[in-house]
Amino acid sequence: MNNGILIIAHAPLASALRLAVLHVFPDCRADVAAFDVEPGVPPEASLAGARRAMAGIGAPQTLVVADVFGATPCNVAQKLVDGLTSRLVAGVNLPMLLRAVTYRHEALDTLVTRAIVGGTQGVMQVAITAPQNQTRKHHGQGHDDNQQ
């Protein structure tokens, strides 16, 4: 059986990340859940909602990912996980989630490692190069492009 993955983040990020994952892996709908922490909602109410979302996955083990360490979603997630059947990783990004979904069938400890590696390897500076057969325009001082 697959591990479950629960995304907890500031609204609407958790739901948006889940939709992006389902765009790539439509077959993982039952394994990936999202809980958006809404502004102004007491942490106790968010924790209750997160518990319902986690129970809805129905997996024996769950990787919980949160957006920002120390923020309310992560604090809620810390109260949700037990360290045995559920683990928490903060700093979620789409590369992390795609890696986690790909390896959701592996042991929870391995899944945590793969998720972290996927998340960190997905962050890189990208070189800016001119498209093939085109040159870049260099504008002199005082020229405004007015691009947004």
N, C-alpha and C. Protein backbone atom coordinates (compact mmCIF):
# COMPACT_ATOMS: atom_id res chain seq x y z
N MET A 1 0.84 -1.19 0.00
CA MET A 1 0.00 0.00 0.00
C MET A 1 0.89 1.25 0.00
N ASN A 2 0.42 2.29 -0.64
CA ASN A 2 1.17 3.54 -0.73
C ASN A 2 1.07 4.34 0.56
N ASN A 3 2.12 5.14 0.81
CA ASN A 3 2.07 6.13 1.87
C ASN A 3 1.17 7.27 1.42
N GLY A 4 0.55 7.91 2.37
CA GLY A 4 -0.23 9.09 2.06
C GLY A 4 0.66 10.32 2.12
N ILE A 5 0.23 11.37 1.45
CA ILE A 5 0.94 12.65 1.47
C ILE A 5 -0.09 13.72 1.77
N LEU A 6 0.16 14.50 2.83
CA LEU A 6 -0.73 15.59 3.22
C LEU A 6 0.04 16.89 3.10
N ILE A 7 -0.52 17.81 2.33
CA ILE A 7 0.07 19.13 2.16
C ILE A 7 -0.69 20.10 3.05
N ILE A 8 0.03 20.78 3.94
CA ILE A 8 -0.57 21.79 4.81
C ILE A 8 0.16 23.10 4.53
N ALA A 9 -0.61 24.12 4.11
CA ALA A 9 0.01 25.39 3.76
C ALA A 9 -1.00 26.53 3.89
N HIS A 10 -0.47 27.73 3.82
CA HIS A 10 -1.33 28.92 3.81
C HIS A 10 -2.25 28.83 2.60
N ALA A 11 -3.53 29.17 2.82
CA ALA A 11 -4.51 29.13 1.73
C ALA A 11 -4.11 30.12 0.64
N PRO A 12 -4.23 29.75 -0.58
CA PRO A 12 -4.72 28.52 -1.21
C PRO A 12 -3.60 27.61 -1.69
N LEU A 13 -2.39 27.76 -1.12
CA LEU A 13 -1.22 27.06 -1.63
C LEU A 13 -1.35 25.54 -1.58
N ALA A 14 -1.85 24.99 -0.49
CA ALA A 14 -1.93 23.53 -0.38
C ALA A 14 -2.80 22.94 -1.49
N SER A 15 -3.97 23.53 -1.70
CA SER A 15 -4.85 23.03 -2.77
C SER A 15 -4.23 23.21 -4.15
N ALA A 16 -3.56 24.33 -4.36
CA ALA A 16 -2.92 24.58 -5.66
C ALA A 16 -1.80 23.58 -5.92
N LEU A 17 -1.01 23.27 -4.91
CA LEU A 17 0.06 22.28 -5.08
C LEU A 17 -0.53 20.90 -5.37
N ARG A 18 -1.60 20.55 -4.69
CA ARG A 18 -2.24 19.26 -4.95
C ARG A 18 -2.74 19.19 -6.38
N LEU A 19 -3.37 20.25 -6.86
CA LEU A 19 -3.85 20.27 -8.25
C LEU A 19 -2.71 20.12 -9.24
N ALA A 20 -1.58 20.75 -8.95
CA ALA A 20 -0.42 20.62 -9.83
C ALA A 20 0.10 19.18 -9.84
N VAL A 21 0.12 18.55 -8.67
CA VAL A 21 0.56 17.14 -8.59
C VAL A 21 -0.40 16.26 -9.38
N LEU A 22 -1.70 16.49 -9.23
CA LEU A 22 -2.69 15.68 -9.94
C LEU A 22 -2.63 15.91 -11.45
N HIS A 23 -2.16 17.06 -11.87
CA HIS A 23 -1.98 17.32 -13.30
C HIS A 23 -0.93 16.37 -13.87
N VAL A 24 0.13 16.12 -13.10
CA VAL A 24 1.22 15.23 -13.55
C VAL A 24 0.90 13.77 -13.25
N PHE A 25 0.32 13.51 -12.08
CA PHE A 25 0.02 12.14 -11.64
C PHE A 25 -1.47 12.03 -11.30
N PRO A 26 -2.35 11.94 -12.29
CA PRO A 26 -3.79 11.90 -11.98
C PRO A 26 -4.20 10.65 -11.20
N ASP A 27 -3.38 9.62 -11.22
CA ASP A 27 -3.72 8.37 -10.52
C ASP A 27 -3.46 8.44 -9.01
N CYS A 28 -2.88 9.52 -8.51
CA CYS A 28 -2.54 9.58 -7.08
C CYS A 28 -3.58 10.33 -6.26
N ARG A 29 -4.74 10.58 -6.82
CA ARG A 29 -5.79 11.36 -6.16
C ARG A 29 -6.09 10.87 -4.74
N ALA A 30 -6.15 9.57 -4.52
CA ALA A 30 -6.50 9.03 -3.20
C ALA A 30 -5.35 9.13 -2.20
N ASP A 31 -4.12 9.26 -2.70
CA ASP A 31 -2.94 9.27 -1.83
C ASP A 31 -2.50 10.66 -1.38
N VAL A 32 -2.96 11.70 -2.06
CA VAL A 32 -2.50 13.07 -1.77
C VAL A 32 -3.69 13.94 -1.37
N ALA A 33 -3.57 14.55 -0.19
CA ALA A 33 -4.61 15.44 0.32
C ALA A 33 -4.01 16.81 0.60
N ALA A 34 -4.86 17.80 0.66
CA ALA A 34 -4.40 19.16 0.95
C ALA A 34 -5.28 19.77 2.04
N PHE A 35 -4.64 20.55 2.88
CA PHE A 35 -5.39 21.31 3.88
C PHE A 35 -4.86 22.73 3.86
N ASP A 36 -5.72 23.67 3.47
CA ASP A 36 -5.37 25.08 3.43
C ASP A 36 -5.68 25.73 4.77
N VAL A 37 -4.68 26.35 5.37
CA VAL A 37 -4.88 27.07 6.62
C VAL A 37 -5.34 28.48 6.26
N GLU A 38 -6.56 28.78 6.66
CA GLU A 38 -7.17 30.07 6.34
C GLU A 38 -6.77 31.12 7.36
N PRO A 39 -6.65 32.38 6.93
CA PRO A 39 -6.30 33.44 7.88
C PRO A 39 -7.41 33.65 8.90
N GLY A 40 -7.00 33.94 10.13
CA GLY A 40 -7.97 34.25 11.18
C GLY A 40 -8.62 33.05 11.84
N VAL A 41 -8.31 31.85 11.37
CA VAL A 41 -8.88 30.65 11.97
C VAL A 41 -7.99 30.23 13.14
N PRO A 42 -8.56 29.96 14.31
CA PRO A 42 -7.74 29.55 15.46
C PRO A 42 -6.97 28.26 15.14
N PRO A 43 -5.74 28.15 15.66
CA PRO A 43 -4.93 26.95 15.40
C PRO A 43 -5.63 25.64 15.78
N GLU A 44 -6.45 25.66 16.83
CA GLU A 44 -7.15 24.43 17.25
C GLU A 44 -8.13 23.98 16.17
N ALA A 45 -8.80 24.93 15.55
CA ALA A 45 -9.74 24.60 14.47
C ALA A 45 -8.98 24.10 13.24
N SER A 46 -7.83 24.70 12.96
CA SER A 46 -7.01 24.23 11.83
C SER A 46 -6.50 22.83 12.10
N LEU A 47 -6.10 22.56 13.33
CA LEU A 47 -5.62 21.22 13.68
C LEU A 47 -6.73 20.18 13.50
N ALA A 48 -7.93 20.50 13.89
CA ALA A 48 -9.07 19.58 13.71
C ALA A 48 -9.31 19.31 12.23
N GLY A 49 -9.25 20.34 11.42
CA GLY A 49 -9.42 20.16 9.98
C GLY A 49 -8.29 19.35 9.36
N ALA A 50 -7.07 19.58 9.81
CA ALA A 50 -5.92 18.82 9.30
C ALA A 50 -6.04 17.35 9.69
N ARG A 51 -6.54 17.09 10.89
CA ARG A 51 -6.74 15.69 11.33
C ARG A 51 -7.76 14.99 10.42
N ARG A 52 -8.83 15.70 10.08
CA ARG A 52 -9.83 15.12 9.18
C ARG A 52 -9.23 14.84 7.80
N ALA A 53 -8.43 15.78 7.31
CA ALA A 53 -7.80 15.60 6.00
C ALA A 53 -6.86 14.40 6.01
N MET A 54 -6.09 14.24 7.08
CA MET A 54 -5.16 13.12 7.18
C MET A 54 -5.92 11.79 7.29
N ALA A 55 -6.98 11.77 8.06
CA ALA A 55 -7.78 10.55 8.21
C ALA A 55 -8.44 10.18 6.89
N GLY A 56 -8.75 11.17 6.08
CA GLY A 56 -9.38 10.92 4.79
C GLY A 56 -8.48 10.22 3.79
N ILE A 57 -7.18 10.30 4.01
CA ILE A 57 -6.24 9.61 3.12
C ILE A 57 -6.35 8.10 3.33
N GLY A 58 -6.40 7.70 4.58
CA GLY A 58 -6.57 6.29 4.89
C GLY A 58 -5.33 5.44 4.68
N ALA A 59 -4.17 6.04 4.57
CA ALA A 59 -2.92 5.29 4.40
C ALA A 59 -2.37 4.92 5.77
N PRO A 60 -1.62 3.81 5.84
CA PRO A 60 -1.05 3.43 7.14
C PRO A 60 0.03 4.39 7.62
N GLN A 61 0.71 5.04 6.68
CA GLN A 61 1.74 6.02 7.02
C GLN A 61 1.57 7.25 6.13
N THR A 62 1.96 8.40 6.67
CA THR A 62 1.74 9.65 5.95
C THR A 62 2.94 10.57 6.06
N LEU A 63 3.34 11.11 4.91
CA LEU A 63 4.31 12.19 4.86
C LEU A 63 3.51 13.49 4.85
N VAL A 64 3.75 14.34 5.83
CA VAL A 64 3.10 15.63 5.91
C VAL A 64 4.13 16.68 5.50
N VAL A 65 3.73 17.55 4.58
CA VAL A 65 4.63 18.61 4.13
C VAL A 65 3.95 19.95 4.38
N ALA A 66 4.73 20.90 4.88
CA ALA A 66 4.21 22.23 5.20
C ALA A 66 5.02 23.27 4.45
N ASP A 67 4.45 24.47 4.33
CA ASP A 67 5.12 25.48 3.51
C ASP A 67 6.29 26.17 4.20
N VAL A 68 6.10 26.73 5.38
CA VAL A 68 7.14 27.52 6.02
C VAL A 68 7.35 27.06 7.46
N PHE A 69 8.57 26.69 7.79
CA PHE A 69 8.89 26.30 9.15
C PHE A 69 8.61 27.48 10.09
N GLY A 70 7.91 27.21 11.19
CA GLY A 70 7.62 28.22 12.19
C GLY A 70 6.31 28.97 11.97
N ALA A 71 5.73 28.84 10.78
CA ALA A 71 4.44 29.49 10.50
C ALA A 71 3.31 28.60 10.99
N THR A 72 2.11 29.14 11.03
CA THR A 72 0.96 28.42 11.56
C THR A 72 0.73 27.06 10.91
N PRO A 73 0.80 26.92 9.56
CA PRO A 73 0.59 25.58 8.98
C PRO A 73 1.59 24.54 9.51
N CYS A 74 2.83 24.94 9.64
CA CYS A 74 3.84 24.00 10.15
C CYS A 74 3.62 23.71 11.63
N ASN A 75 3.23 24.72 12.38
CA ASN A 75 2.95 24.50 13.80
C ASN A 75 1.78 23.54 13.98
N VAL A 76 0.75 23.68 13.16
CA VAL A 76 -0.39 22.75 13.19
C VAL A 76 0.10 21.35 12.83
N ALA A 77 0.90 21.25 11.78
CA ALA A 77 1.40 19.94 11.33
C ALA A 77 2.26 19.27 12.40
N GLN A 78 3.03 20.05 13.15
CA GLN A 78 3.86 19.48 14.21
C GLN A 78 3.01 18.78 15.27
N LYS A 79 1.82 19.31 15.52
CA LYS A 79 0.92 18.69 16.49
C LYS A 79 0.20 17.48 15.90
N LEU A 80 0.21 17.40 14.58
CA LEU A 80 -0.50 16.32 13.88
C LEU A 80 0.35 15.05 13.76
N VAL A 81 1.63 15.21 13.50
CA VAL A 81 2.48 14.04 13.25
C VAL A 81 2.94 13.41 14.56
N ASP A 82 3.20 12.09 14.47
CA ASP A 82 3.64 11.37 15.66
C ASP A 82 5.09 10.90 15.57
N GLY A 83 5.75 11.05 14.43
CA GLY A 83 7.13 10.62 14.28
C GLY A 83 7.30 9.15 13.99
N LEU A 84 6.23 8.39 14.09
CA LEU A 84 6.30 6.94 13.82
C LEU A 84 5.57 6.60 12.53
N THR A 85 4.28 6.89 12.49
CA THR A 85 3.49 6.60 11.29
C THR A 85 3.31 7.83 10.41
N SER A 86 3.79 8.96 10.90
CA SER A 86 3.72 10.20 10.12
C SER A 86 4.96 11.04 10.40
N ARG A 87 5.45 11.68 9.37
CA ARG A 87 6.63 12.54 9.48
C ARG A 87 6.33 13.88 8.82
N LEU A 88 7.06 14.90 9.23
CA LEU A 88 6.84 16.26 8.73
C LEU A 88 8.09 16.81 8.07
N VAL A 89 7.91 17.41 6.91
CA VAL A 89 8.98 18.13 6.22
C VAL A 89 8.44 19.52 5.90
N ALA A 90 9.20 20.55 6.26
CA ALA A 90 8.80 21.93 5.96
C ALA A 90 9.56 22.42 4.73
N GLY A 91 8.98 23.42 4.07
CA GLY A 91 9.60 23.99 2.88
C GLY A 91 9.13 23.35 1.60
N VAL A 92 7.88 22.92 1.58
CA VAL A 92 7.35 22.19 0.43
C VAL A 92 7.46 23.01 -0.85
N ASN A 93 7.78 22.32 -1.93
CA ASN A 93 7.73 22.91 -3.26
C ASN A 93 7.27 21.81 -4.23
N LEU A 94 6.97 22.19 -5.45
CA LEU A 94 6.44 21.21 -6.40
C LEU A 94 7.44 20.10 -6.72
N PRO A 95 8.74 20.38 -6.93
CA PRO A 95 9.67 19.27 -7.17
C PRO A 95 9.69 18.26 -6.02
N MET A 96 9.57 18.76 -4.78
CA MET A 96 9.53 17.86 -3.62
C MET A 96 8.31 16.94 -3.71
N LEU A 97 7.17 17.52 -4.02
CA LEU A 97 5.94 16.73 -4.09
C LEU A 97 5.96 15.71 -5.23
N LEU A 98 6.47 16.11 -6.37
CA LEU A 98 6.54 15.17 -7.49
C LEU A 98 7.44 14.00 -7.16
N ARG A 99 8.54 14.27 -6.48
CA ARG A 99 9.44 13.18 -6.06
C ARG A 99 8.75 12.30 -5.04
N ALA A 100 8.07 12.91 -4.08
CA ALA A 100 7.40 12.13 -3.05
C ALA A 100 6.31 11.24 -3.64
N VAL A 101 5.54 11.77 -4.57
CA VAL A 101 4.49 10.97 -5.20
C VAL A 101 5.10 9.81 -5.99
N THR A 102 6.19 10.08 -6.66
CA THR A 102 6.85 9.03 -7.45
C THR A 102 7.28 7.87 -6.56
N TYR A 103 7.74 8.16 -5.35
CA TYR A 103 8.27 7.12 -4.46
C TYR A 103 7.38 6.87 -3.25
N ARG A 104 6.09 7.14 -3.36
CA ARG A 104 5.18 6.99 -2.21
C ARG A 104 5.02 5.55 -1.74
N HIS A 105 5.46 4.60 -2.54
CA HIS A 105 5.36 3.18 -2.17
C HIS A 105 6.53 2.72 -1.29
N GLU A 106 7.56 3.55 -1.13
CA GLU A 106 8.73 3.16 -0.35
C GLU A 106 8.51 3.40 1.14
N ALA A 107 9.42 2.90 1.97
CA ALA A 107 9.35 3.08 3.42
C ALA A 107 9.32 4.57 3.75
N LEU A 108 8.65 4.93 4.84
CA LEU A 108 8.45 6.32 5.20
C LEU A 108 9.78 7.06 5.38
N ASP A 109 10.77 6.45 6.02
CA ASP A 109 12.07 7.10 6.19
C ASP A 109 12.71 7.41 4.83
N THR A 110 12.62 6.47 3.92
CA THR A 110 13.17 6.67 2.58
C THR A 110 12.40 7.74 1.84
N LEU A 111 11.09 7.76 2.00
CA LEU A 111 10.26 8.76 1.36
C LEU A 111 10.62 10.17 1.84
N VAL A 112 10.86 10.33 3.13
CA VAL A 112 11.27 11.63 3.67
C VAL A 112 12.56 12.09 3.00
N THR A 113 13.53 11.20 2.92
CA THR A 113 14.82 11.54 2.31
C THR A 113 14.64 11.91 0.84
N ARG A 114 13.87 11.12 0.12
CA ARG A 114 13.65 11.40 -1.30
C ARG A 114 12.93 12.73 -1.51
N ALA A 115 11.98 13.04 -0.65
CA ALA A 115 11.25 14.31 -0.76
C ALA A 115 12.19 15.49 -0.54
N ILE A 116 13.02 15.43 0.48
CA ILE A 116 13.96 16.51 0.76
C ILE A 116 14.95 16.69 -0.38
N VAL A 117 15.48 15.59 -0.88
CA VAL A 117 16.43 15.67 -2.00
C VAL A 117 15.74 16.25 -3.23
N GLY A 118 14.53 15.79 -3.52
CA GLY A 118 13.79 16.31 -4.67
C GLY A 118 13.52 17.80 -4.54
N GLY A 119 13.19 18.23 -3.33
CA GLY A 119 12.93 19.65 -3.11
C GLY A 119 14.16 20.51 -3.27
N THR A 120 15.29 20.03 -2.74
CA THR A 120 16.51 20.83 -2.85
C THR A 120 17.09 20.79 -4.26
N GLN A 121 17.02 19.65 -4.92
CA GLN A 121 17.54 19.57 -6.29
C GLN A 121 16.67 20.36 -7.27
N GLY A 122 15.44 20.63 -6.90
CA GLY A 122 14.55 21.39 -7.77
C GLY A 122 14.75 22.89 -7.70
N VAL A 123 15.63 23.34 -6.80
CA VAL A 123 15.91 24.77 -6.67
C VAL A 123 17.28 25.04 -7.28
N MET A 124 17.30 25.85 -8.32
CA MET A 124 18.58 26.16 -8.97
C MET A 124 18.47 27.47 -9.73
N GLN A 125 19.59 28.10 -9.91
CA GLN A 125 19.63 29.29 -10.75
C GLN A 125 19.68 28.82 -12.19
N VAL A 126 18.90 29.44 -13.04
CA VAL A 126 18.84 29.06 -14.45
C VAL A 126 19.54 30.15 -15.26
N ALA A 127 20.47 29.72 -16.10
CA ALA A 127 21.20 30.68 -16.93
C ALA A 127 20.27 31.28 -17.98
N ILE A 128 20.48 32.55 -18.25
CA ILE A 128 19.70 33.23 -19.28
C ILE A 128 20.53 33.24 -20.55
N THR A 129 20.01 32.59 -21.56
CA THR A 129 20.70 32.57 -22.85
C THR A 129 19.72 32.99 -23.93
N ALA A 130 20.26 33.52 -25.01
CA ALA A 130 19.42 33.92 -26.13
C ALA A 130 18.93 32.68 -26.86
N PRO A 131 17.68 32.69 -27.29
CA PRO A 131 17.21 31.55 -28.09
C PRO A 131 18.09 31.38 -29.33
N GLN A 132 18.18 30.18 -29.78
CA GLN A 132 19.02 29.88 -30.94
C GLN A 132 18.62 30.75 -32.13
N ASN A 133 19.60 31.27 -32.86
CA ASN A 133 19.41 32.11 -34.05
C ASN A 133 18.83 33.49 -33.73
N GLN A 134 18.86 33.90 -32.49
CA GLN A 134 18.40 35.24 -32.14
C GLN A 134 19.45 35.90 -31.27
N THR A 135 19.56 37.20 -31.39
CA THR A 135 20.49 37.92 -30.53
C THR A 135 19.70 38.73 -29.54
N ARG A 136 20.31 38.98 -28.42
CA ARG A 136 19.66 39.79 -27.39
C ARG A 136 19.84 41.25 -27.71
N LYS A 137 18.82 42.02 -27.49
CA LYS A 137 18.89 43.46 -27.70
C LYS A 137 19.43 44.10 -26.44
N HIS A 138 20.41 44.93 -26.60
CA HIS A 138 20.96 45.68 -25.47
C HIS A 138 20.55 47.13 -25.66
N HIS A 139 19.90 47.68 -24.68
CA HIS A 139 19.40 49.05 -24.76
C HIS A 139 20.35 49.97 -24.02
N GLY A 140 20.52 51.14 -24.55
CA GLY A 140 21.37 52.13 -23.91
C GLY A 140 20.68 52.73 -22.71
N GLN A 141 21.38 53.62 -22.04
CA GLN A 141 20.81 54.27 -20.86
C GLN A 141 19.61 55.11 -21.26
N GLY A 142 18.66 55.18 -20.36
CA GLY A 142 17.50 56.02 -20.58
C GLY A 142 16.40 55.37 -21.40
N HIS A 143 16.60 54.15 -21.86
CA HIS A 143 15.57 53.46 -22.64
C HIS A 143 14.70 52.63 -21.72
N ASP A 144 13.41 52.84 -21.78
CA ASP A 144 12.47 52.09 -20.95
C ASP A 144 11.76 51.07 -21.81
N ASP A 145 11.75 49.81 -21.37
CA ASP A 145 11.06 48.75 -22.10
C ASP A 145 9.56 48.74 -21.83
N ASN A 146 9.14 49.20 -20.70
CA ASN A 146 7.73 49.20 -20.30
C ASN A 146 7.10 47.81 -20.33
N GLN A 147 7.87 46.79 -20.07
CA GLN A 147 7.32 45.44 -20.01
C GLN A 147 6.95 45.12 -18.57
N GLN A 148 5.89 44.32 -18.44
CA GLN A 148 5.46 43.93 -17.12
C GLN A 148 5.53 42.45 -16.97
